[in-house]
Amino acid sequence: MSLFSLRPATTLWPPVLLGSQFVFNIGFYAVVPFLAIFLRDDLMLSGGLIGLVLGLRTFSQQGMFIVGGALSDRFGARVIILCGCLIRIAGYLLLAFGQSLWPIILGACLTGIGGALFSPSIEALLAKAGTQSEAKGKRSRAEWFALFAVCGELGAVLGPVAGALLTGLGFRQVALAGAGVFVVALIVLFFCLPPAQHSKQTLEIHPWWSTFRQPRFVAFIIAYSSWLLSYNQLYLALPVEIERAGGSEKDLGPLFMLASVLIILFQLPLARFARQVGAVRVLPAGFLLLSASFASVALFAAHPPPEGWLRLLPAGCFVTLLTCGQMLLVPSAKDLIPWFAKESTLGAHYGALSTAGGCAVLAGNLLFGSQLDHALTPSPQAVFPWLQLAFFPLCSAVALVFICRPMRVALASRG
């Protein structure tokens, strides 16, 4: 599998997929965390427009996941991965050279669509490679996916640091560097990914719509959607809090590093804890932590920030609590999906889960983007946007207690 054979590889080497996830996350996290600052400081956009741009970026990725997976099944993972890289490169170039709102919106959407194409395709390839490895008595599929997650988090650690180092040169240079990362990935993956045989089956969208015929599942994904809305505030609300505290965009790198280090160190122990306690009990607790993360900033928002590194204490509390809530609830929620789905419709159900989150981010960012303008300076009014953000995961925690009751009863009867 030589890079210099001028033709694609004939066999799949799983470490290539691990490396691609590492590189993709470096390219993503070097750019997107700094997009809100660019929109506010360079383009002088209002909070509402910033929320619109970031919401559309997330929605274009989350809402297209099921489409990316279907296209991968139809045309082969390799070609869809390469197309995703090309589309994300185009998105970053638009972000780099766009000087008005519409090119920026288009660029943000293209970055999301690119991710929606290559992410599910790479995971599908890794599942196949892991199955083959396990059949040969080597590393299991679960172990490959665990390594995949760790590589992704390592990229998420280094990406914001790289972006922070480049911010002094301007956001255009940051976006161009991100595009360069994906150009390199495109070239390497062109030679390292083997071509796949084309499937003759047509795209099937009926199972997608059938997922919404289950009222309890619809209630579940609506309640769960506040998770992605909350997580997206790392890109929309966190820069606002840093500005309130007198910090700069360079402070984003260490805070994103904090989140990734927490995941690398504690994701597996917390997953084992959640398995012991039970997903139906852990899920509300995870949403309570999300609510507490926003409330922790609200406690400080009205007061002038202290001197030195203590000014970042509210932001650090926010990132820590949000990340801990994420580590508890995301694996637990995905573990519960088979309660609602047959094996033949699992993909559609997981796709619906992602799309509901994308819709929540789009609507929530439009709502909270302008509200967060009040949180840019210490004042009594700065408290209210954070309390509003805390309200939605709190409602989800309460709702999931009732939504998951049949599962809890079934588990108790088995015990």
Protein backbone atom coordinates (compact mmCIF):
# COMPACT_ATOMS: atom_id res chain seq x y z
CA MET A 1 0.00 0.00 0.00
CA SER A 2 2.47 2.59 -1.19
CA LEU A 3 1.63 6.24 -1.47
CA PHE A 4 3.79 6.40 -4.56
CA SER A 5 2.13 3.65 -6.60
CA LEU A 6 -0.13 6.31 -8.22
CA ARG A 7 -3.18 4.12 -7.75
CA PRO A 8 -5.43 3.35 -4.80
CA ALA A 9 -4.59 0.60 -2.34
CA THR A 10 -6.20 -2.80 -2.77
CA THR A 11 -6.67 -3.54 0.94
CA LEU A 12 -7.82 -1.42 3.85
CA TRP A 13 -5.33 -0.69 6.63
CA PRO A 14 -7.32 0.29 9.78
CA PRO A 15 -4.64 2.68 11.17
CA VAL A 16 -5.30 4.87 8.11
CA LEU A 17 -8.83 5.42 9.43
CA LEU A 18 -7.54 6.23 12.91
CA GLY A 19 -5.07 8.71 11.46
CA SER A 20 -7.77 10.29 9.31
CA GLN A 21 -9.96 10.90 12.36
CA PHE A 22 -6.99 12.49 14.13
CA VAL A 23 -6.20 14.76 11.17
CA PHE A 24 -9.86 15.61 10.49
CA ASN A 25 -10.34 16.76 14.07
CA ILE A 26 -7.19 18.87 13.97
CA GLY A 27 -8.50 20.56 10.82
CA PHE A 28 -11.96 21.05 12.32
CA TYR A 29 -11.03 22.26 15.81
CA ALA A 30 -8.32 24.58 14.50
CA VAL A 31 -11.01 26.63 12.71
CA VAL A 32 -14.59 26.26 13.99
CA PRO A 33 -14.02 27.29 17.66
CA PHE A 34 -12.69 30.65 16.39
CA LEU A 35 -15.45 31.26 13.86
CA ALA A 36 -17.76 33.06 16.31
CA ILE A 37 -14.97 35.48 17.28
CA PHE A 38 -14.26 36.21 13.61
CA LEU A 39 -17.93 36.86 12.91
CA ARG A 40 -18.27 39.18 15.89
CA ASP A 41 -14.99 41.09 15.77
CA ASP A 42 -14.08 41.13 12.07
CA LEU A 43 -17.45 41.08 10.29
CA MET A 44 -19.22 42.93 13.15
CA LEU A 45 -22.25 40.62 13.00
CA SER A 46 -24.91 40.65 15.70
CA GLY A 47 -25.37 37.77 18.08
CA GLY A 48 -28.48 36.67 16.20
CA LEU A 49 -26.61 36.39 12.90
CA ILE A 50 -23.71 34.61 14.58
CA GLY A 51 -26.17 32.10 16.02
CA LEU A 52 -27.71 31.66 12.55
CA VAL A 53 -24.34 30.91 10.93
CA LEU A 54 -23.23 28.45 13.62
CA GLY A 55 -26.67 26.85 13.76
CA LEU A 56 -26.76 26.32 10.01
CA ARG A 57 -23.26 24.79 10.13
CA THR A 58 -24.31 22.27 12.77
CA PHE A 59 -27.66 21.55 11.12
CA SER A 60 -26.04 20.98 7.72
CA GLN A 61 -23.84 18.31 9.30
CA GLN A 62 -26.21 16.62 11.72
CA GLY A 63 -29.16 16.71 9.35
CA MET A 64 -27.14 15.15 6.53
CA PHE A 65 -25.70 12.21 8.48
CA ILE A 66 -28.31 9.75 7.28
CA VAL A 67 -27.85 11.01 3.70
CA GLY A 68 -24.07 10.56 3.94
CA GLY A 69 -24.51 7.01 5.18
CA ALA A 70 -26.99 6.16 2.42
CA LEU A 71 -24.69 7.59 -0.26
CA SER A 72 -21.80 5.59 1.17
CA ASP A 73 -23.85 2.39 0.93
CA ARG A 74 -24.84 3.21 -2.64
CA PHE A 75 -21.58 4.49 -4.17
CA GLY A 76 -18.90 3.17 -1.80
CA ALA A 77 -17.25 4.79 1.21
CA ARG A 78 -14.05 5.85 -0.56
CA VAL A 79 -15.62 8.16 -3.12
CA ILE A 80 -17.95 9.72 -0.53
CA ILE A 81 -15.03 10.34 1.87
CA LEU A 82 -13.04 12.04 -0.88
CA CYS A 83 -16.05 14.14 -1.89
CA GLY A 84 -16.53 15.14 1.74
CA CYS A 85 -12.93 16.33 1.93
CA LEU A 86 -13.35 18.38 -1.25
CA ILE A 87 -16.54 19.99 0.02
CA ARG A 88 -14.98 20.88 3.37
CA ILE A 89 -11.95 22.40 1.58
CA ALA A 90 -14.36 24.54 -0.47
CA GLY A 91 -16.14 25.58 2.72
CA TYR A 92 -12.93 26.65 4.42
CA LEU A 93 -11.84 28.64 1.36
CA LEU A 94 -15.17 30.49 1.41
CA LEU A 95 -14.69 31.22 5.11
CA ALA A 96 -11.17 32.49 4.38
CA PHE A 97 -12.05 34.81 1.51
CA GLY A 98 -15.70 35.64 2.15
CA GLN A 99 -16.18 39.25 3.17
CA SER A 100 -19.97 39.32 3.42
CA LEU A 101 -22.67 37.30 5.14
CA TRP A 102 -23.80 34.99 2.32
CA PRO A 103 -20.38 33.56 1.38
CA ILE A 104 -19.75 32.95 5.07
CA ILE A 105 -23.09 31.15 5.49
CA LEU A 106 -22.39 29.03 2.40
CA GLY A 107 -18.88 28.24 3.62
CA ALA A 108 -20.15 27.23 7.07
CA CYS A 109 -22.80 24.98 5.52
CA LEU A 110 -20.26 23.35 3.20
CA THR A 111 -17.99 22.51 6.14
CA GLY A 112 -20.94 20.76 7.78
CA ILE A 113 -22.00 18.89 4.63
CA GLY A 114 -18.42 17.71 4.12
CA GLY A 115 -18.36 16.24 7.63
CA ALA A 116 -21.75 14.59 7.08
CA LEU A 117 -20.30 12.78 4.06
CA PHE A 118 -16.97 11.53 5.38
CA SER A 119 -17.77 10.83 9.06
CA PRO A 120 -20.36 8.02 8.66
CA SER A 121 -18.38 6.60 5.74
CA ILE A 122 -15.20 6.30 7.80
CA GLU A 123 -17.11 4.70 10.68
CA ALA A 124 -18.65 2.19 8.26
CA LEU A 125 -15.20 1.29 6.92
CA LEU A 126 -13.83 0.91 10.43
CA ALA A 127 -16.71 -1.39 11.39
CA LYS A 128 -15.92 -3.62 8.41
CA ALA A 129 -12.19 -3.58 9.13
CA GLY A 130 -12.81 -4.31 12.81
CA THR A 131 -15.04 -7.26 11.93
CA GLN A 132 -12.32 -8.71 9.71
CA SER A 133 -9.68 -8.13 12.39
CA GLU A 134 -11.84 -9.81 15.02
CA ALA A 135 -12.49 -12.80 12.74
CA LYS A 136 -8.73 -13.26 12.42
CA GLY A 137 -8.32 -13.31 16.20
CA LYS A 138 -6.67 -9.89 16.31
CA ARG A 139 -7.96 -6.60 17.72
CA SER A 140 -11.73 -6.57 18.21
CA ARG A 141 -14.13 -4.16 16.54
CA ALA A 142 -14.89 -2.52 19.89
CA GLU A 143 -11.17 -1.96 20.50
CA TRP A 144 -10.77 -0.33 17.10
CA PHE A 145 -13.65 2.02 17.85
CA ALA A 146 -12.16 2.84 21.25
CA LEU A 147 -8.87 3.75 19.56
CA PHE A 148 -10.86 5.74 16.98
CA ALA A 149 -12.43 7.82 19.76
CA VAL A 150 -9.08 8.43 21.45
CA CYS A 151 -7.49 9.54 18.16
CA GLY A 152 -10.38 11.91 17.61
CA GLU A 153 -9.97 13.45 21.03
CA LEU A 154 -6.23 13.84 20.54
CA GLY A 155 -7.01 15.78 17.38
CA ALA A 156 -9.55 17.82 19.31
CA VAL A 157 -6.82 18.66 21.84
CA LEU A 158 -4.25 19.79 19.29
CA GLY A 159 -6.65 21.53 16.89
CA PRO A 160 -7.64 24.48 19.11
CA VAL A 161 -4.02 24.91 20.21
CA ALA A 162 -2.92 25.13 16.58
CA GLY A 163 -5.76 27.53 15.83
CA ALA A 164 -4.89 29.71 18.82
CA LEU A 165 -1.28 29.94 17.64
CA LEU A 166 -2.45 31.16 14.23
CA THR A 167 -5.09 33.63 15.43
CA GLY A 168 -2.48 36.37 15.67
CA LEU A 169 -2.14 36.15 11.88
CA GLY A 170 -5.87 36.52 11.35
CA PHE A 171 -8.82 34.18 10.81
CA ARG A 172 -8.13 33.96 7.06
CA GLN A 173 -4.81 32.24 7.77
CA VAL A 174 -6.53 29.91 10.26
CA ALA A 175 -9.13 28.89 7.67
CA LEU A 176 -6.48 28.44 4.97
CA ALA A 177 -4.45 26.24 7.31
CA GLY A 178 -7.58 24.15 7.95
CA ALA A 179 -8.12 23.82 4.20
CA GLY A 180 -4.49 22.75 3.84
CA VAL A 181 -4.98 19.98 6.41
CA PHE A 182 -7.87 18.55 4.39
CA VAL A 183 -5.93 18.84 1.13
CA VAL A 184 -3.23 16.64 2.65
CA ALA A 185 -5.87 14.23 3.98
CA LEU A 186 -7.52 14.11 0.53
CA ILE A 187 -4.26 13.13 -1.17
CA VAL A 188 -3.31 10.52 1.42
CA LEU A 189 -6.77 8.94 1.51
CA PHE A 190 -6.97 8.84 -2.28
CA PHE A 191 -4.05 6.40 -2.28
CA CYS A 192 -4.69 4.61 1.01
CA LEU A 193 -8.41 3.78 0.72
CA PRO A 194 -9.28 0.85 -1.55
CA PRO A 195 -12.09 1.35 -4.08
CA ALA A 196 -15.37 -0.33 -3.28
CA GLN A 197 -17.76 -2.20 -5.53
CA HIS A 198 -20.84 -0.19 -6.37
CA SER A 199 -24.07 -1.41 -4.88
CA LYS A 200 -27.05 -1.64 -7.22
CA GLN A 201 -29.56 -0.92 -4.48
CA THR A 202 -31.39 2.38 -4.57
CA LEU A 203 -31.53 4.89 -1.76
CA GLU A 204 -34.28 3.98 0.68
CA ILE A 205 -35.80 6.82 2.67
CA HIS A 206 -38.97 5.16 3.90
CA PRO A 207 -37.43 3.84 7.17
CA TRP A 208 -36.39 7.41 8.00
CA TRP A 209 -39.98 8.58 8.08
CA SER A 210 -41.26 5.48 9.84
CA THR A 211 -39.24 6.38 12.93
CA PHE A 212 -41.62 9.26 13.62
CA ARG A 213 -44.62 6.96 13.98
CA GLN A 214 -43.56 6.13 17.55
CA PRO A 215 -44.77 8.87 19.93
CA ARG A 216 -42.47 7.81 22.77
CA PHE A 217 -39.43 7.80 20.49
CA VAL A 218 -40.36 11.22 19.14
CA ALA A 219 -40.59 12.48 22.73
CA PHE A 220 -37.21 10.87 23.45
CA ILE A 221 -35.37 12.55 20.57
CA ILE A 222 -36.98 15.91 21.35
CA ALA A 223 -35.81 15.65 24.95
CA TYR A 224 -32.38 14.46 23.88
CA SER A 225 -31.99 17.27 21.31
CA SER A 226 -31.21 19.77 24.07
CA TRP A 227 -27.89 17.91 24.47
CA LEU A 228 -26.56 19.04 21.09
CA LEU A 229 -27.98 22.52 21.67
CA SER A 230 -26.07 22.66 24.95
CA TYR A 231 -22.85 21.25 23.48
CA ASN A 232 -22.96 23.75 20.63
CA GLN A 233 -22.61 26.56 23.17
CA LEU A 234 -18.91 25.73 23.30
CA TYR A 235 -18.79 27.59 19.98
CA LEU A 236 -21.46 30.25 20.55
CA ALA A 237 -21.68 31.04 24.29
CA LEU A 238 -18.17 30.19 25.50
CA PRO A 239 -16.50 32.94 23.42
CA VAL A 240 -19.06 35.39 24.88
CA GLU A 241 -18.11 34.40 28.44
CA ILE A 242 -14.42 34.71 27.64
CA GLU A 243 -14.99 38.23 26.33
CA ARG A 244 -17.02 39.13 29.45
CA ALA A 245 -14.13 37.91 31.57
CA GLY A 246 -11.63 40.07 29.70
CA GLY A 247 -9.96 37.18 27.93
CA SER A 248 -9.12 36.69 24.26
CA GLU A 249 -9.51 34.06 21.56
CA LYS A 250 -6.21 32.51 22.69
CA ASP A 251 -8.00 31.35 25.85
CA LEU A 252 -10.23 29.06 23.76
CA GLY A 253 -7.37 26.64 23.06
CA PRO A 254 -6.69 25.66 26.70
CA LEU A 255 -10.43 25.35 27.43
CA PHE A 256 -11.01 23.02 24.49
CA MET A 257 -7.92 21.11 25.57
CA LEU A 258 -9.47 20.75 29.03
CA ALA A 259 -12.60 19.20 27.51
CA SER A 260 -10.62 16.74 25.41
CA VAL A 261 -8.31 15.74 28.26
CA LEU A 262 -11.34 15.05 30.46
CA ILE A 263 -12.81 12.81 27.76
CA ILE A 264 -9.55 10.93 27.18
CA LEU A 265 -9.07 10.29 30.91
CA PHE A 266 -12.61 9.69 32.13
CA GLN A 267 -14.82 8.56 29.25
CA LEU A 268 -14.17 4.85 29.73
CA PRO A 269 -14.48 4.90 33.57
CA LEU A 270 -17.71 6.91 33.35
CA ALA A 271 -19.05 4.56 30.67
CA ARG A 272 -18.43 1.61 32.99
CA PHE A 273 -20.12 3.49 35.83
CA ALA A 274 -23.12 4.23 33.60
CA ARG A 275 -23.35 0.56 32.64
CA GLN A 276 -23.46 -0.45 36.30
CA VAL A 277 -26.04 2.15 37.31
CA GLY A 278 -28.17 1.79 34.20
CA ALA A 279 -28.71 4.10 31.24
CA VAL A 280 -32.26 5.07 32.25
CA ARG A 281 -30.95 6.43 35.57
CA VAL A 282 -27.78 8.04 34.24
CA LEU A 283 -29.46 9.92 31.38
CA PRO A 284 -31.37 12.44 33.56
CA ALA A 285 -28.25 12.94 35.69
CA GLY A 286 -26.26 13.85 32.59
CA PHE A 287 -28.78 16.51 31.63
CA LEU A 288 -28.72 17.90 35.16
CA LEU A 289 -24.96 18.37 34.77
CA LEU A 290 -25.55 20.23 31.51
CA SER A 291 -28.00 22.53 33.28
CA ALA A 292 -25.53 23.06 36.11
CA SER A 293 -22.81 24.04 33.61
CA PHE A 294 -24.85 27.03 32.45
CA ALA A 295 -25.95 27.90 35.97
CA SER A 296 -22.31 28.01 37.07
CA VAL A 297 -21.65 30.85 34.61
CA ALA A 298 -24.85 32.64 35.63
CA LEU A 299 -23.50 32.86 39.19
CA PHE A 300 -20.61 35.04 37.98
CA ALA A 301 -22.09 36.84 34.97
CA ALA A 302 -23.28 39.93 36.86
CA HIS A 303 -19.97 40.62 38.59
CA PRO A 304 -16.72 42.12 37.25
CA PRO A 305 -14.13 39.41 36.59
CA PRO A 306 -11.19 39.01 38.99
CA GLU A 307 -7.60 39.57 37.93
CA GLY A 308 -5.32 36.88 36.54
CA TRP A 309 -6.27 33.36 35.61
CA LEU A 310 -9.24 33.36 38.01
CA ARG A 311 -11.19 35.33 35.41
CA LEU A 312 -11.50 32.05 33.47
CA LEU A 313 -12.91 30.12 36.43
CA PRO A 314 -16.57 30.36 35.26
CA ALA A 315 -15.58 29.26 31.76
CA GLY A 316 -13.58 26.38 33.23
CA CYS A 317 -16.54 25.29 35.36
CA PHE A 318 -18.80 25.50 32.32
CA VAL A 319 -16.52 23.33 30.17
CA THR A 320 -15.92 20.79 32.95
CA LEU A 321 -19.58 20.28 33.89
CA LEU A 322 -20.70 20.25 30.26
CA THR A 323 -18.09 17.65 29.34
CA CYS A 324 -18.93 15.44 32.33
CA GLY A 325 -22.61 15.58 31.41
CA GLN A 326 -21.73 14.68 27.83
CA MET A 327 -19.66 11.67 28.90
CA LEU A 328 -22.58 10.34 30.96
CA LEU A 329 -25.53 10.93 28.70
CA VAL A 330 -24.32 10.39 25.13
CA PRO A 331 -23.32 6.70 25.48
CA SER A 332 -26.38 6.07 27.63
CA ALA A 333 -28.77 7.60 25.09
CA LYS A 334 -27.28 5.62 22.22
CA ASP A 335 -27.51 2.48 24.31
CA LEU A 336 -31.28 3.02 24.66
CA ILE A 337 -32.04 3.40 20.95
CA PRO A 338 -32.48 -0.40 20.41
CA TRP A 339 -35.44 -0.21 22.79
CA PHE A 340 -37.27 1.73 20.11
CA ALA A 341 -35.94 0.14 16.93
CA LYS A 342 -35.74 -3.15 15.14
CA GLU A 343 -32.31 -4.18 13.96
CA SER A 344 -33.27 -3.31 10.37
CA THR A 345 -34.18 0.28 11.31
CA LEU A 346 -31.38 1.11 13.75
CA GLY A 347 -29.64 3.39 11.27
CA ALA A 348 -32.80 5.40 10.67
CA HIS A 349 -33.36 5.81 14.40
CA TYR A 350 -29.80 6.95 15.04
CA GLY A 351 -30.12 9.33 12.09
CA ALA A 352 -33.32 10.77 13.54
CA LEU A 353 -31.52 11.31 16.83
CA SER A 354 -28.81 13.37 15.10
CA THR A 355 -31.23 15.33 12.94
CA ALA A 356 -33.40 16.31 15.90
CA GLY A 357 -30.29 17.70 17.58
CA GLY A 358 -29.40 19.66 14.45
CA CYS A 359 -32.88 21.22 14.34
CA ALA A 360 -32.57 22.16 18.02
CA VAL A 361 -29.21 23.84 17.42
CA LEU A 362 -30.54 25.84 14.49
CA ALA A 363 -33.62 27.04 16.38
CA GLY A 364 -31.75 27.55 19.66
CA ASN A 365 -28.92 29.55 18.12
CA LEU A 366 -31.41 31.86 16.42
CA LEU A 367 -33.08 32.36 19.80
CA PHE A 368 -30.01 32.69 22.01
CA GLY A 369 -27.61 34.40 19.62
CA SER A 370 -29.16 37.82 20.19
CA GLN A 371 -29.75 37.08 23.87
CA LEU A 372 -26.05 36.42 24.41
CA ASP A 373 -25.27 39.98 23.32
CA HIS A 374 -26.46 40.97 26.82
CA ALA A 375 -23.85 38.65 28.37
CA LEU A 376 -20.84 40.34 26.79
CA THR A 377 -20.36 42.71 29.73
CA PRO A 378 -20.87 42.11 33.47
CA SER A 379 -24.39 43.22 34.41
CA PRO A 380 -27.57 41.83 35.98
CA GLN A 381 -28.91 41.30 32.45
CA ALA A 382 -25.94 39.04 31.66
CA VAL A 383 -27.37 36.38 33.97
CA PHE A 384 -30.58 35.74 32.04
CA PRO A 385 -29.17 34.19 28.83
CA TRP A 386 -27.31 31.61 30.90
CA LEU A 387 -30.39 30.80 32.96
CA GLN A 388 -32.39 30.36 29.77
CA LEU A 389 -29.76 27.96 28.45
CA ALA A 390 -29.90 26.04 31.75
CA PHE A 391 -33.68 25.69 31.49
CA PHE A 392 -33.74 23.38 28.45
CA PRO A 393 -31.50 20.54 29.71
CA LEU A 394 -33.32 20.80 33.05
CA CYS A 395 -36.60 20.17 31.23
CA SER A 396 -34.98 17.25 29.40
CA ALA A 397 -33.85 15.70 32.68
CA VAL A 398 -37.40 15.80 34.04
CA ALA A 399 -38.98 14.60 30.79
CA LEU A 400 -36.65 11.62 30.43
CA VAL A 401 -37.62 10.33 33.87
CA PHE A 402 -41.13 9.79 32.49
CA ILE A 403 -40.17 8.83 28.95
CA CYS A 404 -37.84 6.08 30.16
CA ARG A 405 -40.24 4.73 32.79
CA PRO A 406 -41.29 1.66 30.73
CA MET A 407 -37.65 0.72 30.25
CA ARG A 408 -36.97 1.10 33.94
CA VAL A 409 -39.96 -1.09 34.78
CA ALA A 410 -38.87 -3.72 32.27
CA LEU A 411 -35.34 -3.79 33.69
CA ALA A 412 -36.69 -4.06 37.24
CA SER A 413 -38.92 -6.99 36.28
CA ARG A 414 -35.95 -8.78 34.77
CA GLY A 415 -33.98 -8.24 37.95
